[in-house]
Amino acid sequence: ITRYHLDVEPSVEEARVQVFHNCLVILPTCFLFLLCRKTMAGMRS
């Protein structure tokens, strides 16, 4: 969707090229959190 949007409205401005970056970020965020918890659960402090 970012590629499609920038093909129609080309821009190199940071605020405009990342308008969709947070759309589905909840899914990789939760995965990374769970991955770290599961793989590092037995690590001693």
PDB file of all heavy atoms in Angstrom:
ATOM      1  N   ILE A   1       0.835  -1.207   0.000  1.00  0.00           N
ATOM      2  CA  ILE A   1       0.000   0.000   0.000  1.00  0.00           C
ATOM      3  C   ILE A   1       0.868   1.255   0.000  1.00  0.00           C
ATOM      4  O   ILE A   1       0.510   2.279  -0.602  1.00  0.00           O
ATOM      5  CB  ILE A   1      -0.983   0.004   1.200  1.00  0.00           C
ATOM      6  CG1 ILE A   1      -2.066   1.057   0.985  1.00  0.00           C
ATOM      7  CG2 ILE A   1      -0.276   0.221   2.512  1.00  0.00           C
ATOM      8  CD1 ILE A   1      -2.983   0.777  -0.174  1.00  0.00           C
ATOM      9  N   THR A   2       2.044   1.184   0.644  1.00  0.00           N
ATOM     10  CA  THR A   2       2.968   2.323   0.613  1.00  0.00           C
ATOM     11  C   THR A   2       3.490   2.552  -0.794  1.00  0.00           C
ATOM     12  O   THR A   2       3.553   3.694  -1.282  1.00  0.00           O
ATOM     13  CB  THR A   2       4.147   2.083   1.586  1.00  0.00           C
ATOM     14  OG1 THR A   2       3.642   1.960   2.920  1.00  0.00           O
ATOM     15  CG2 THR A   2       5.143   3.238   1.533  1.00  0.00           C
ATOM     16  N   ARG A   3       3.874   1.466  -1.465  1.00  0.00           N
ATOM     17  CA  ARG A   3       4.367   1.565  -2.846  1.00  0.00           C
ATOM     18  C   ARG A   3       3.273   2.116  -3.766  1.00  0.00           C
ATOM     19  O   ARG A   3       3.533   2.997  -4.608  1.00  0.00           O
ATOM     20  CB  ARG A   3       4.826   0.185  -3.320  1.00  0.00           C
ATOM     21  CG  ARG A   3       5.317   0.136  -4.761  1.00  0.00           C
ATOM     22  CD  ARG A   3       6.612   0.912  -4.915  1.00  0.00           C
ATOM     23  NE  ARG A   3       7.080   0.875  -6.310  1.00  0.00           N
ATOM     24  CZ  ARG A   3       7.943  -0.021  -6.767  1.00  0.00           C
ATOM     25  NH1 ARG A   3       8.422  -0.966  -5.964  1.00  0.00           N
ATOM     26  NH2 ARG A   3       8.327   0.020  -8.029  1.00  0.00           N
ATOM     27  N   TYR A   4       2.060   1.617  -3.603  1.00  0.00           N
ATOM     28  CA  TYR A   4       0.940   2.082  -4.428  1.00  0.00           C
ATOM     29  C   TYR A   4       0.687   3.572  -4.212  1.00  0.00           C
ATOM     30  O   TYR A   4       0.505   4.340  -5.154  1.00  0.00           O
ATOM     31  CB  TYR A   4      -0.296   1.259  -4.081  1.00  0.00           C
ATOM     32  CG  TYR A   4      -1.552   1.681  -4.807  1.00  0.00           C
ATOM     33  CD1 TYR A   4      -1.600   1.719  -6.198  1.00  0.00           C
ATOM     34  CD2 TYR A   4      -2.692   2.035  -4.095  1.00  0.00           C
ATOM     35  CE1 TYR A   4      -2.751   2.094  -6.864  1.00  0.00           C
ATOM     36  CE2 TYR A   4      -3.856   2.414  -4.745  1.00  0.00           C
ATOM     37  CZ  TYR A   4      -3.881   2.450  -6.137  1.00  0.00           C
ATOM     38  OH  TYR A   4      -5.015   2.819  -6.791  1.00  0.00           O
ATOM     39  N   HIS A   5       0.691   3.993  -2.955  1.00  0.00           N
ATOM     40  CA  HIS A   5       0.444   5.392  -2.621  1.00  0.00           C
ATOM     41  C   HIS A   5       1.537   6.296  -3.187  1.00  0.00           C
ATOM     42  O   HIS A   5       1.248   7.358  -3.757  1.00  0.00           O
ATOM     43  CB  HIS A   5       0.362   5.543  -1.096  1.00  0.00           C
ATOM     44  CG  HIS A   5       0.334   6.956  -0.629  1.00  0.00           C
ATOM     45  ND1 HIS A   5      -0.690   7.825  -0.926  1.00  0.00           N
ATOM     46  CD2 HIS A   5       1.223   7.661   0.129  1.00  0.00           C
ATOM     47  CE1 HIS A   5      -0.457   9.003  -0.372  1.00  0.00           C
ATOM     48  NE2 HIS A   5       0.703   8.933   0.278  1.00  0.00           N
ATOM     49  N   LEU A   6       2.790   5.895  -3.062  1.00  0.00           N
ATOM     50  CA  LEU A   6       3.888   6.734  -3.531  1.00  0.00           C
ATOM     51  C   LEU A   6       3.998   6.734  -5.056  1.00  0.00           C
ATOM     52  O   LEU A   6       4.545   7.674  -5.635  1.00  0.00           O
ATOM     53  CB  LEU A   6       5.205   6.266  -2.909  1.00  0.00           C
ATOM     54  CG  LEU A   6       5.321   6.473  -1.401  1.00  0.00           C
ATOM     55  CD1 LEU A   6       6.648   5.945  -0.883  1.00  0.00           C
ATOM     56  CD2 LEU A   6       5.165   7.959  -1.044  1.00  0.00           C
ATOM     57  N   ASP A   7       3.506   5.694  -5.715  1.00  0.00           N
ATOM     58  CA  ASP A   7       3.460   5.706  -7.178  1.00  0.00           C
ATOM     59  C   ASP A   7       2.481   6.768  -7.675  1.00  0.00           C
ATOM     60  O   ASP A   7       2.700   7.393  -8.723  1.00  0.00           O
ATOM     61  CB  ASP A   7       3.043   4.330  -7.709  1.00  0.00           C
ATOM     62  CG  ASP A   7       4.185   3.320  -7.632  1.00  0.00           C
ATOM     63  OD1 ASP A   7       5.340   3.746  -7.470  1.00  0.00           O
ATOM     64  OD2 ASP A   7       3.900   2.112  -7.702  1.00  0.00           O
ATOM     65  N   VAL A   8       1.391   6.961  -6.917  1.00  0.00           N
ATOM     66  CA  VAL A   8       0.382   7.948  -7.295  1.00  0.00           C
ATOM     67  C   VAL A   8       0.777   9.353  -6.838  1.00  0.00           C
ATOM     68  O   VAL A   8       0.607  10.331  -7.567  1.00  0.00           O
ATOM     69  CB  VAL A   8      -0.990   7.568  -6.702  1.00  0.00           C
ATOM     70  CG1 VAL A   8      -2.036   8.644  -7.001  1.00  0.00           C
ATOM     71  CG2 VAL A   8      -1.441   6.223  -7.248  1.00  0.00           C
ATOM     72  N   GLU A   9       1.312   9.443  -5.608  1.00  0.00           N
ATOM     73  CA  GLU A   9       1.738  10.730  -5.048  1.00  0.00           C
ATOM     74  C   GLU A   9       3.209  10.637  -4.641  1.00  0.00           C
ATOM     75  O   GLU A   9       3.515  10.449  -3.459  1.00  0.00           O
ATOM     76  CB  GLU A   9       0.872  11.104  -3.847  1.00  0.00           C
ATOM     77  CG  GLU A   9      -0.592  11.353  -4.189  1.00  0.00           C
ATOM     78  CD  GLU A   9      -1.386  11.841  -2.985  1.00  0.00           C
ATOM     79  OE1 GLU A   9      -0.865  11.761  -1.856  1.00  0.00           O
ATOM     80  OE2 GLU A   9      -2.516  12.305  -3.177  1.00  0.00           O
ATOM     81  N   PRO A  10       4.120  10.750  -5.594  1.00  0.00           N
ATOM     82  CA  PRO A  10       5.554  10.614  -5.276  1.00  0.00           C
ATOM     83  C   PRO A  10       6.012  11.663  -4.270  1.00  0.00           C
ATOM     84  O   PRO A  10       5.594  12.824  -4.325  1.00  0.00           O
ATOM     85  CB  PRO A  10       6.237  10.813  -6.642  1.00  0.00           C
ATOM     86  CG  PRO A  10       5.171  10.556  -7.651  1.00  0.00           C
ATOM     87  CD  PRO A  10       3.896  10.998  -7.029  1.00  0.00           C
ATOM     88  N   SER A  11       6.869  11.242  -3.344  1.00  0.00           N
ATOM     89  CA  SER A  11       7.397  12.151  -2.338  1.00  0.00           C
ATOM     90  C   SER A  11       8.615  11.510  -1.683  1.00  0.00           C
ATOM     91  O   SER A  11       8.741  10.282  -1.649  1.00  0.00           O
ATOM     92  CB  SER A  11       6.334  12.459  -1.269  1.00  0.00           C
ATOM     93  OG  SER A  11       6.875  13.272  -0.236  1.00  0.00           O
ATOM     94  N   VAL A  12       9.515  12.351  -1.185  1.00  0.00           N
ATOM     95  CA  VAL A  12      10.652  11.882  -0.400  1.00  0.00           C
ATOM     96  C   VAL A  12      10.613  12.468   1.012  1.00  0.00           C
ATOM     97  O   VAL A  12      11.523  12.243   1.800  1.00  0.00           O
ATOM     98  CB  VAL A  12      11.992  12.245  -1.081  1.00  0.00           C
ATOM     99  CG1 VAL A  12      12.136  11.516  -2.401  1.00  0.00           C
ATOM    100  CG2 VAL A  12      12.119  13.757  -1.279  1.00  0.00           C
ATOM    101  N   GLU A  13       9.559  13.215   1.330  1.00  0.00           N
ATOM    102  CA  GLU A  13       9.406  13.804   2.658  1.00  0.00           C
ATOM    103  C   GLU A  13       9.057  12.716   3.664  1.00  0.00           C
ATOM    104  O   GLU A  13       8.167  11.884   3.419  1.00  0.00           O
ATOM    105  CB  GLU A  13       8.318  14.874   2.653  1.00  0.00           C
ATOM    106  CG  GLU A  13       8.633  16.065   1.756  1.00  0.00           C
ATOM    107  CD  GLU A  13       7.516  17.091   1.786  1.00  0.00           C
ATOM    108  OE1 GLU A  13       6.640  16.985   2.672  1.00  0.00           O
ATOM    109  OE2 GLU A  13       7.525  17.993   0.935  1.00  0.00           O
ATOM    110  N   GLU A  14       9.725  12.736   4.805  1.00  0.00           N
ATOM    111  CA  GLU A  14       9.559  11.673   5.793  1.00  0.00           C
ATOM    112  C   GLU A  14       8.113  11.537   6.255  1.00  0.00           C
ATOM    113  O   GLU A  14       7.596  10.434   6.406  1.00  0.00           O
ATOM    114  CB  GLU A  14      10.467  11.933   6.994  1.00  0.00           C
ATOM    115  CG  GLU A  14      10.400  10.839   8.043  1.00  0.00           C
ATOM    116  CD  GLU A  14      11.446  11.013   9.126  1.00  0.00           C
ATOM    117  OE1 GLU A  14      12.478  11.651   8.871  1.00  0.00           O
ATOM    118  OE2 GLU A  14      11.232  10.496  10.244  1.00  0.00           O
ATOM    119  N   ALA A  15       7.447  12.664   6.497  1.00  0.00           N
ATOM    120  CA  ALA A  15       6.077  12.612   7.005  1.00  0.00           C
ATOM    121  C   ALA A  15       5.116  11.980   6.005  1.00  0.00           C
ATOM    122  O   ALA A  15       4.129  11.348   6.393  1.00  0.00           O
ATOM    123  CB  ALA A  15       5.601  14.017   7.367  1.00  0.00           C
ATOM    124  N   ARG A  16       5.407  12.106   4.711  1.00  0.00           N
ATOM    125  CA  ARG A  16       4.491  11.622   3.684  1.00  0.00           C
ATOM    126  C   ARG A  16       4.780  10.188   3.258  1.00  0.00           C
ATOM    127  O   ARG A  16       3.868   9.472   2.847  1.00  0.00           O
ATOM    128  CB  ARG A  16       4.540  12.548   2.472  1.00  0.00           C
ATOM    129  CG  ARG A  16       4.110  13.983   2.783  1.00  0.00           C
ATOM    130  CD  ARG A  16       3.971  14.816   1.538  1.00  0.00           C
ATOM    131  NE  ARG A  16       2.899  14.311   0.677  1.00  0.00           N
ATOM    132  CZ  ARG A  16       2.591  14.847  -0.504  1.00  0.00           C
ATOM    133  NH1 ARG A  16       3.283  15.866  -0.973  1.00  0.00           N
ATOM    134  NH2 ARG A  16       1.610  14.345  -1.219  1.00  0.00           N
ATOM    135  N   VAL A  17       6.034   9.763   3.335  1.00  0.00           N
ATOM    136  CA  VAL A  17       6.353   8.406   2.870  1.00  0.00           C
ATOM    137  C   VAL A  17       6.009   7.347   3.914  1.00  0.00           C
ATOM    138  O   VAL A  17       6.014   6.151   3.604  1.00  0.00           O
ATOM    139  CB  VAL A  17       7.840   8.286   2.495  1.00  0.00           C
ATOM    140  CG1 VAL A  17       8.200   9.273   1.398  1.00  0.00           C
ATOM    141  CG2 VAL A  17       8.741   8.474   3.711  1.00  0.00           C
ATOM    142  N   GLN A  18       5.701   7.757   5.147  1.00  0.00           N
ATOM    143  CA  GLN A  18       5.431   6.773   6.189  1.00  0.00           C
ATOM    144  C   GLN A  18       3.997   6.822   6.707  1.00  0.00           C
ATOM    145  O   GLN A  18       3.705   6.346   7.802  1.00  0.00           O
ATOM    146  CB  GLN A  18       6.389   6.987   7.366  1.00  0.00           C
ATOM    147  CG  GLN A  18       6.263   8.341   8.049  1.00  0.00           C
ATOM    148  CD  GLN A  18       7.008   8.390   9.366  1.00  0.00           C
ATOM    149  OE1 GLN A  18       7.055   7.415  10.104  1.00  0.00           O
ATOM    150  NE2 GLN A  18       7.585   9.535   9.672  1.00  0.00           N
ATOM    151  N   VAL A  19       3.080   7.360   5.923  1.00  0.00           N
ATOM    152  CA  VAL A  19       1.708   7.526   6.407  1.00  0.00           C
ATOM    153  C   VAL A  19       1.034   6.187   6.714  1.00  0.00           C
ATOM    154  O   VAL A  19       0.096   6.128   7.520  1.00  0.00           O
ATOM    155  CB  VAL A  19       0.851   8.327   5.400  1.00  0.00           C
ATOM    156  CG1 VAL A  19       1.313   9.761   5.316  1.00  0.00           C
ATOM    157  CG2 VAL A  19       0.871   7.662   4.026  1.00  0.00           C
ATOM    158  N   PHE A  20       1.488   5.092   6.102  1.00  0.00           N
ATOM    159  CA  PHE A  20       0.869   3.783   6.338  1.00  0.00           C
ATOM    160  C   PHE A  20       1.729   2.865   7.217  1.00  0.00           C
ATOM    161  O   PHE A  20       1.351   1.724   7.460  1.00  0.00           O
ATOM    162  CB  PHE A  20       0.592   3.077   5.006  1.00  0.00           C
ATOM    163  CG  PHE A  20      -0.438   3.765   4.163  1.00  0.00           C
ATOM    164  CD1 PHE A  20      -0.069   4.552   3.092  1.00  0.00           C
ATOM    165  CD2 PHE A  20      -1.789   3.640   4.454  1.00  0.00           C
ATOM    166  CE1 PHE A  20      -1.016   5.195   2.311  1.00  0.00           C
ATOM    167  CE2 PHE A  20      -2.754   4.281   3.686  1.00  0.00           C
ATOM    168  CZ  PHE A  20      -2.363   5.069   2.612  1.00  0.00           C
ATOM    169  N   HIS A  21       2.852   3.354   7.678  1.00  0.00           N
ATOM    170  CA  HIS A  21       3.802   2.489   8.390  1.00  0.00           C
ATOM    171  C   HIS A  21       3.216   1.860   9.653  1.00  0.00           C
ATOM    172  O   HIS A  21       3.604   0.756  10.037  1.00  0.00           O
ATOM    173  CB  HIS A  21       5.057   3.285   8.752  1.00  0.00           C
ATOM    174  CG  HIS A  21       6.061   3.355   7.634  1.00  0.00           C
ATOM    175  ND1 HIS A  21       5.694   3.401   6.309  1.00  0.00           N
ATOM    176  CD2 HIS A  21       7.422   3.387   7.637  1.00  0.00           C
ATOM    177  CE1 HIS A  21       6.770   3.457   5.556  1.00  0.00           C
ATOM    178  NE2 HIS A  21       7.837   3.443   6.338  1.00  0.00           N
ATOM    179  N   ASN A  22       2.317   2.559  10.327  1.00  0.00           N
ATOM    180  CA  ASN A  22       1.768   2.056  11.594  1.00  0.00           C
ATOM    181  C   ASN A  22       0.458   1.287  11.443  1.00  0.00           C
ATOM    182  O   ASN A  22      -0.131   0.874  12.443  1.00  0.00           O
ATOM    183  CB  ASN A  22       1.547   3.223  12.570  1.00  0.00           C
ATOM    184  CG  ASN A  22       2.850   3.788  13.089  1.00  0.00           C
ATOM    185  OD1 ASN A  22       3.717   3.056  13.559  1.00  0.00           O
ATOM    186  ND2 ASN A  22       3.009   5.102  12.995  1.00  0.00           N
ATOM    187  N   CYS A  23       0.016   1.113  10.204  1.00  0.00           N
ATOM    188  CA  CYS A  23      -1.315   0.530   9.988  1.00  0.00           C
ATOM    189  C   CYS A  23      -1.485  -0.838  10.650  1.00  0.00           C
ATOM    190  O   CYS A  23      -2.467  -1.078  11.346  1.00  0.00           O
ATOM    191  CB  CYS A  23      -1.585   0.410   8.491  1.00  0.00           C
ATOM    192  SG  CYS A  23      -2.069   1.952   7.711  1.00  0.00           S
ATOM    193  N   LEU A  24      -0.556  -1.740  10.410  1.00  0.00           N
ATOM    194  CA  LEU A  24      -0.680  -3.115  10.893  1.00  0.00           C
ATOM    195  C   LEU A  24       0.463  -3.476  11.836  1.00  0.00           C
ATOM    196  O   LEU A  24       0.752  -4.654  12.037  1.00  0.00           O
ATOM    197  CB  LEU A  24      -0.702  -4.082   9.703  1.00  0.00           C
ATOM    198  CG  LEU A  24      -1.797  -3.831   8.654  1.00  0.00           C
ATOM    199  CD1 LEU A  24      -1.606  -4.742   7.456  1.00  0.00           C
ATOM    200  CD2 LEU A  24      -3.179  -4.031   9.257  1.00  0.00           C
ATOM    201  N   VAL A  25       1.076  -2.460  12.437  1.00  0.00           N
ATOM    202  CA  VAL A  25       2.281  -2.682  13.238  1.00  0.00           C
ATOM    203  C   VAL A  25       2.009  -3.499  14.491  1.00  0.00           C
ATOM    204  O   VAL A  25       2.920  -4.111  15.061  1.00  0.00           O
ATOM    205  CB  VAL A  25       2.921  -1.323  13.607  1.00  0.00           C
ATOM    206  CG1 VAL A  25       2.095  -0.606  14.658  1.00  0.00           C
ATOM    207  CG2 VAL A  25       4.352  -1.519  14.082  1.00  0.00           C
ATOM    208  N   ILE A  26       0.765  -3.564  14.921  1.00  0.00           N
ATOM    209  CA  ILE A  26       0.439  -4.315  16.129  1.00  0.00           C
ATOM    210  C   ILE A  26       0.792  -5.795  15.979  1.00  0.00           C
ATOM    211  O   ILE A  26       1.182  -6.442  16.965  1.00  0.00           O
ATOM    212  CB  ILE A  26      -1.060  -4.138  16.483  1.00  0.00           C
ATOM    213  CG1 ILE A  26      -1.355  -4.795  17.833  1.00  0.00           C
ATOM    214  CG2 ILE A  26      -1.955  -4.697  15.396  1.00  0.00           C
ATOM    215  CD1 ILE A  26      -2.762  -4.533  18.328  1.00  0.00           C
ATOM    216  N   LEU A  27       0.701  -6.341  14.771  1.00  0.00           N
ATOM    217  CA  LEU A  27       0.972  -7.767  14.571  1.00  0.00           C
ATOM    218  C   LEU A  27       2.460  -8.104  14.709  1.00  0.00           C
ATOM    219  O   LEU A  27       2.813  -8.993  15.498  1.00  0.00           O
ATOM    220  CB  LEU A  27       0.414  -8.208  13.217  1.00  0.00           C
ATOM    221  CG  LEU A  27      -1.116  -8.109  13.097  1.00  0.00           C
ATOM    222  CD1 LEU A  27      -1.563  -8.428  11.674  1.00  0.00           C
ATOM    223  CD2 LEU A  27      -1.788  -9.041  14.086  1.00  0.00           C
ATOM    224  N   PRO A  28       3.379  -7.426  14.000  1.00  0.00           N
ATOM    225  CA  PRO A  28       4.800  -7.723  14.239  1.00  0.00           C
ATOM    226  C   PRO A  28       5.263  -7.344  15.640  1.00  0.00           C
ATOM    227  O   PRO A  28       6.174  -7.980  16.191  1.00  0.00           O
ATOM    228  CB  PRO A  28       5.524  -6.899  13.167  1.00  0.00           C
ATOM    229  CG  PRO A  28       4.544  -5.888  12.709  1.00  0.00           C
ATOM    230  CD  PRO A  28       3.197  -6.503  12.870  1.00  0.00           C
ATOM    231  N   THR A  29       4.627  -6.336  16.250  1.00  0.00           N
ATOM    232  CA  THR A  29       5.002  -5.955  17.613  1.00  0.00           C
ATOM    233  C   THR A  29       4.698  -7.088  18.591  1.00  0.00           C
ATOM    234  O   THR A  29       5.545  -7.472  19.405  1.00  0.00           O
ATOM    235  CB  THR A  29       4.250  -4.685  18.046  1.00  0.00           C
ATOM    236  OG1 THR A  29       4.569  -3.612  17.157  1.00  0.00           O
ATOM    237  CG2 THR A  29       4.640  -4.287  19.460  1.00  0.00           C
ATOM    238  N   CYS A  30       3.489  -7.610  18.518  1.00  0.00           N
ATOM    239  CA  CYS A  30       3.100  -8.695  19.423  1.00  0.00           C
ATOM    240  C   CYS A  30       3.938  -9.944  19.161  1.00  0.00           C
ATOM    241  O   CYS A  30       4.324 -10.648  20.103  1.00  0.00           O
ATOM    242  CB  CYS A  30       1.618  -9.006  19.255  1.00  0.00           C
ATOM    243  SG  CYS A  30       0.521  -7.711  19.879  1.00  0.00           S
ATOM    244  N   PHE A  31       4.228 -10.222  17.893  1.00  0.00           N
ATOM    245  CA  PHE A  31       5.046 -11.401  17.585  1.00  0.00           C
ATOM    246  C   PHE A  31       6.431 -11.273  18.180  1.00  0.00           C
ATOM    247  O   PHE A  31       6.947 -12.222  18.797  1.00  0.00           O
ATOM    248  CB  PHE A  31       5.140 -11.594  16.075  1.00  0.00           C
ATOM    249  CG  PHE A  31       6.148 -12.640  15.682  1.00  0.00           C
ATOM    250  CD1 PHE A  31       5.895 -13.988  15.910  1.00  0.00           C
ATOM    251  CD2 PHE A  31       7.362 -12.276  15.117  1.00  0.00           C
ATOM    252  CE1 PHE A  31       6.839 -14.962  15.573  1.00  0.00           C
ATOM    253  CE2 PHE A  31       8.307 -13.235  14.777  1.00  0.00           C
ATOM    254  CZ  PHE A  31       8.040 -14.575  15.007  1.00  0.00           C
ATOM    255  N   LEU A  32       7.071 -10.116  18.015  1.00  0.00           N
ATOM    256  CA  LEU A  32       8.427  -9.942  18.530  1.00  0.00           C
ATOM    257  C   LEU A  32       8.442 -10.032  20.053  1.00  0.00           C
ATOM    258  O   LEU A  32       9.361 -10.619  20.638  1.00  0.00           O
ATOM    259  CB  LEU A  32       8.984  -8.592  18.073  1.00  0.00           C
ATOM    260  CG  LEU A  32      10.438  -8.291  18.467  1.00  0.00           C
ATOM    261  CD1 LEU A  32      11.367  -9.376  17.937  1.00  0.00           C
ATOM    262  CD2 LEU A  32      10.859  -6.921  17.935  1.00  0.00           C
ATOM    263  N   PHE A  33       7.433  -9.472  20.698  1.00  0.00           N
ATOM    264  CA  PHE A  33       7.354  -9.539  22.159  1.00  0.00           C
ATOM    265  C   PHE A  33       7.234 -10.990  22.625  1.00  0.00           C
ATOM    266  O   PHE A  33       7.961 -11.435  23.522  1.00  0.00           O
ATOM    267  CB  PHE A  33       6.151  -8.730  22.644  1.00  0.00           C
ATOM    268  CG  PHE A  33       6.093  -8.544  24.133  1.00  0.00           C
ATOM    269  CD1 PHE A  33       6.638  -7.428  24.728  1.00  0.00           C
ATOM    270  CD2 PHE A  33       5.489  -9.495  24.949  1.00  0.00           C
ATOM    271  CE1 PHE A  33       6.590  -7.245  26.110  1.00  0.00           C
ATOM    272  CE2 PHE A  33       5.437  -9.338  26.320  1.00  0.00           C
ATOM    273  CZ  PHE A  33       5.989  -8.208  26.904  1.00  0.00           C
ATOM    274  N   LEU A  34       6.338 -11.741  22.001  1.00  0.00           N
ATOM    275  CA  LEU A  34       6.154 -13.142  22.376  1.00  0.00           C
ATOM    276  C   LEU A  34       7.386 -13.979  22.048  1.00  0.00           C
ATOM    277  O   LEU A  34       7.760 -14.880  22.810  1.00  0.00           O
ATOM    278  CB  LEU A  34       4.934 -13.716  21.657  1.00  0.00           C
ATOM    279  CG  LEU A  34       3.567 -13.341  22.234  1.00  0.00           C
ATOM    280  CD1 LEU A  34       2.462 -13.815  21.304  1.00  0.00           C
ATOM    281  CD2 LEU A  34       3.374 -13.924  23.622  1.00  0.00           C
ATOM    282  N   LEU A  35       8.024 -13.687  20.917  1.00  0.00           N
ATOM    283  CA  LEU A  35       9.217 -14.426  20.528  1.00  0.00           C
ATOM    284  C   LEU A  35      10.331 -14.242  21.556  1.00  0.00           C
ATOM    285  O   LEU A  35      10.992 -15.215  21.953  1.00  0.00           O
ATOM    286  CB  LEU A  35       9.684 -13.961  19.152  1.00  0.00           C
ATOM    287  CG  LEU A  35      10.948 -14.644  18.600  1.00  0.00           C
ATOM    288  CD1 LEU A  35      10.680 -16.130  18.354  1.00  0.00           C
ATOM    289  CD2 LEU A  35      11.412 -13.960  17.319  1.00  0.00           C
ATOM    290  N   CYS A  36      10.538 -13.007  21.990  1.00  0.00           N
ATOM    291  CA  CYS A  36      11.577 -12.736  22.996  1.00  0.00           C
ATOM    292  C   CYS A  36      11.235 -13.416  24.315  1.00  0.00           C
ATOM    293  O   CYS A  36      12.116 -13.993  24.973  1.00  0.00           O
ATOM    294  CB  CYS A  36      11.733 -11.231  23.208  1.00  0.00           C
ATOM    295  SG  CYS A  36      12.476 -10.356  21.821  1.00  0.00           S
ATOM    296  N   ARG A  37       9.965 -13.392  24.691  1.00  0.00           N
ATOM    297  CA  ARG A  37       9.590 -14.019  25.962  1.00  0.00           C
ATOM    298  C   ARG A  37       9.806 -15.528  25.912  1.00  0.00           C
ATOM    299  O   ARG A  37      10.316 -16.136  26.861  1.00  0.00           O
ATOM    300  CB  ARG A  37       8.136 -13.714  26.298  1.00  0.00           C
ATOM    301  CG  ARG A  37       7.819 -14.209  27.705  1.00  0.00           C
ATOM    302  CD  ARG A  37       6.361 -14.224  28.051  1.00  0.00           C
ATOM    303  NE  ARG A  37       6.225 -14.785  29.399  1.00  0.00           N
ATOM    304  CZ  ARG A  37       5.111 -15.250  29.891  1.00  0.00           C
ATOM    305  NH1 ARG A  37       4.021 -15.244  29.174  1.00  0.00           N
ATOM    306  NH2 ARG A  37       5.069 -15.744  31.110  1.00  0.00           N
ATOM    307  N   LYS A  38       9.419 -16.133  24.792  1.00  0.00           N
ATOM    308  CA  LYS A  38       9.501 -17.587  24.707  1.00  0.00           C
ATOM    309  C   LYS A  38      10.944 -18.072  24.596  1.00  0.00           C
ATOM    310  O   LYS A  38      11.335 -19.051  25.246  1.00  0.00           O
ATOM    311  CB  LYS A  38       8.689 -18.082  23.507  1.00  0.00           C
ATOM    312  CG  LYS A  38       8.624 -19.598  23.411  1.00  0.00           C
ATOM    313  CD  LYS A  38       7.660 -20.052  22.355  1.00  0.00           C
ATOM    314  CE  LYS A  38       7.618 -21.580  22.268  1.00  0.00           C
ATOM    315  NZ  LYS A  38       7.193 -22.212  23.530  1.00  0.00           N
ATOM    316  N   THR A  39      11.748 -17.393  23.789  1.00  0.00           N
ATOM    317  CA  THR A  39      13.113 -17.865  23.554  1.00  0.00           C
ATOM    318  C   THR A  39      14.070 -17.501  24.687  1.00  0.00           C
ATOM    319  O   THR A  39      15.113 -18.148  24.850  1.00  0.00           O
ATOM    320  CB  THR A  39      13.663 -17.298  22.235  1.00  0.00           C
ATOM    321  OG1 THR A  39      13.599 -15.859  22.278  1.00  0.00           O
ATOM    322  CG2 THR A  39      12.850 -17.805  21.066  1.00  0.00           C
ATOM    323  N   MET A  40      13.726 -16.480  25.483  1.00  0.00           N
ATOM    324  CA  MET A  40      14.630 -16.030  26.539  1.00  0.00           C
ATOM    325  C   MET A  40      14.071 -16.277  27.931  1.00  0.00           C
ATOM    326  O   MET A  40      14.596 -15.754  28.919  1.00  0.00           O
ATOM    327  CB  MET A  40      14.931 -14.532  26.364  1.00  0.00           C
ATOM    328  CG  MET A  40      15.521 -14.179  25.012  1.00  0.00           C
ATOM    329  SD  MET A  40      15.782 -12.397  24.805  1.00  0.00           S
ATOM    330  CE  MET A  40      17.082 -12.118  26.009  1.00  0.00           C
ATOM    331  N   ALA A  41      13.023 -17.084  28.021  1.00  0.00           N
ATOM    332  CA  ALA A  41      12.343 -17.286  29.301  1.00  0.00           C
ATOM    333  C   ALA A  41      13.241 -17.905  30.354  1.00  0.00           C
ATOM    334  O   ALA A  41      13.089 -17.649  31.543  1.00  0.00           O
ATOM    335  CB  ALA A  41      11.093 -18.154  29.099  1.00  0.00           C
ATOM    336  N   GLY A  42      14.195 -18.725  29.958  1.00  0.00           N
ATOM    337  CA  GLY A  42      15.051 -19.384  30.935  1.00  0.00           C
ATOM    338  C   GLY A  42      16.374 -18.699  31.167  1.00  0.00           C
ATOM    339  O   GLY A  42      17.232 -19.237  31.883  1.00  0.00           O
ATOM    340  N   MET A  43      16.578 -17.541  30.579  1.00  0.00           N
ATOM    341  CA  MET A  43      17.867 -16.863  30.716  1.00  0.00           C
ATOM    342  C   MET A  43      18.013 -16.267  32.112  1.00  0.00           C
ATOM    343  O   MET A  43      17.138 -15.552  32.597  1.00  0.00           O
ATOM    344  CB  MET A  43      18.002 -15.757  29.652  1.00  0.00           C
ATOM    345  CG  MET A  43      19.358 -15.080  29.648  1.00  0.00           C
ATOM    346  SD  MET A  43      19.560 -13.937  28.256  1.00  0.00           S
ATOM    347  CE  MET A  43      19.571 -15.097  26.881  1.00  0.00           C
ATOM    348  N   ARG A  44      19.123 -16.529  32.738  1.00  0.00           N
ATOM    349  CA  ARG A  44      19.364 -16.061  34.092  1.00  0.00           C
ATOM    350  C   ARG A  44      19.809 -14.598  34.084  1.00  0.00           C
ATOM    351  O   ARG A  44      20.571 -14.170  33.223  1.00  0.00           O
ATOM    352  CB  ARG A  44      20.421 -16.908  34.786  1.00  0.00           C
ATOM    353  CG  ARG A  44      20.028 -18.369  34.987  1.00  0.00           C
ATOM    354  CD  ARG A  44      21.073 -19.090  35.806  1.00  0.00           C
ATOM    355  NE  ARG A  44      21.232 -18.494  37.132  1.00  0.00           N
ATOM    356  CZ  ARG A  44      20.476 -18.807  38.178  1.00  0.00           C
ATOM    357  NH1 ARG A  44      19.503 -19.695  38.054  1.00  0.00           N
ATOM    358  NH2 ARG A  44      20.691 -18.229  39.342  1.00  0.00           N
ATOM    359  N   SER A  45      19.321 -13.858  35.075  1.00  0.00           N
ATOM    360  CA  SER A  45      19.677 -12.453  35.190  1.00  0.00           C
ATOM    361  C   SER A  45      20.971 -12.239  35.963  1.00  0.00           C
ATOM    362  O   SER A  45      21.481 -11.118  36.001  1.00  0.00           O
ATOM    363  CB  SER A  45      18.544 -11.686  35.874  1.00  0.00           C
ATOM    364  OG  SER A  45      18.345 -12.176  37.198  1.00  0.00           O
TER     365      SER A  45
END
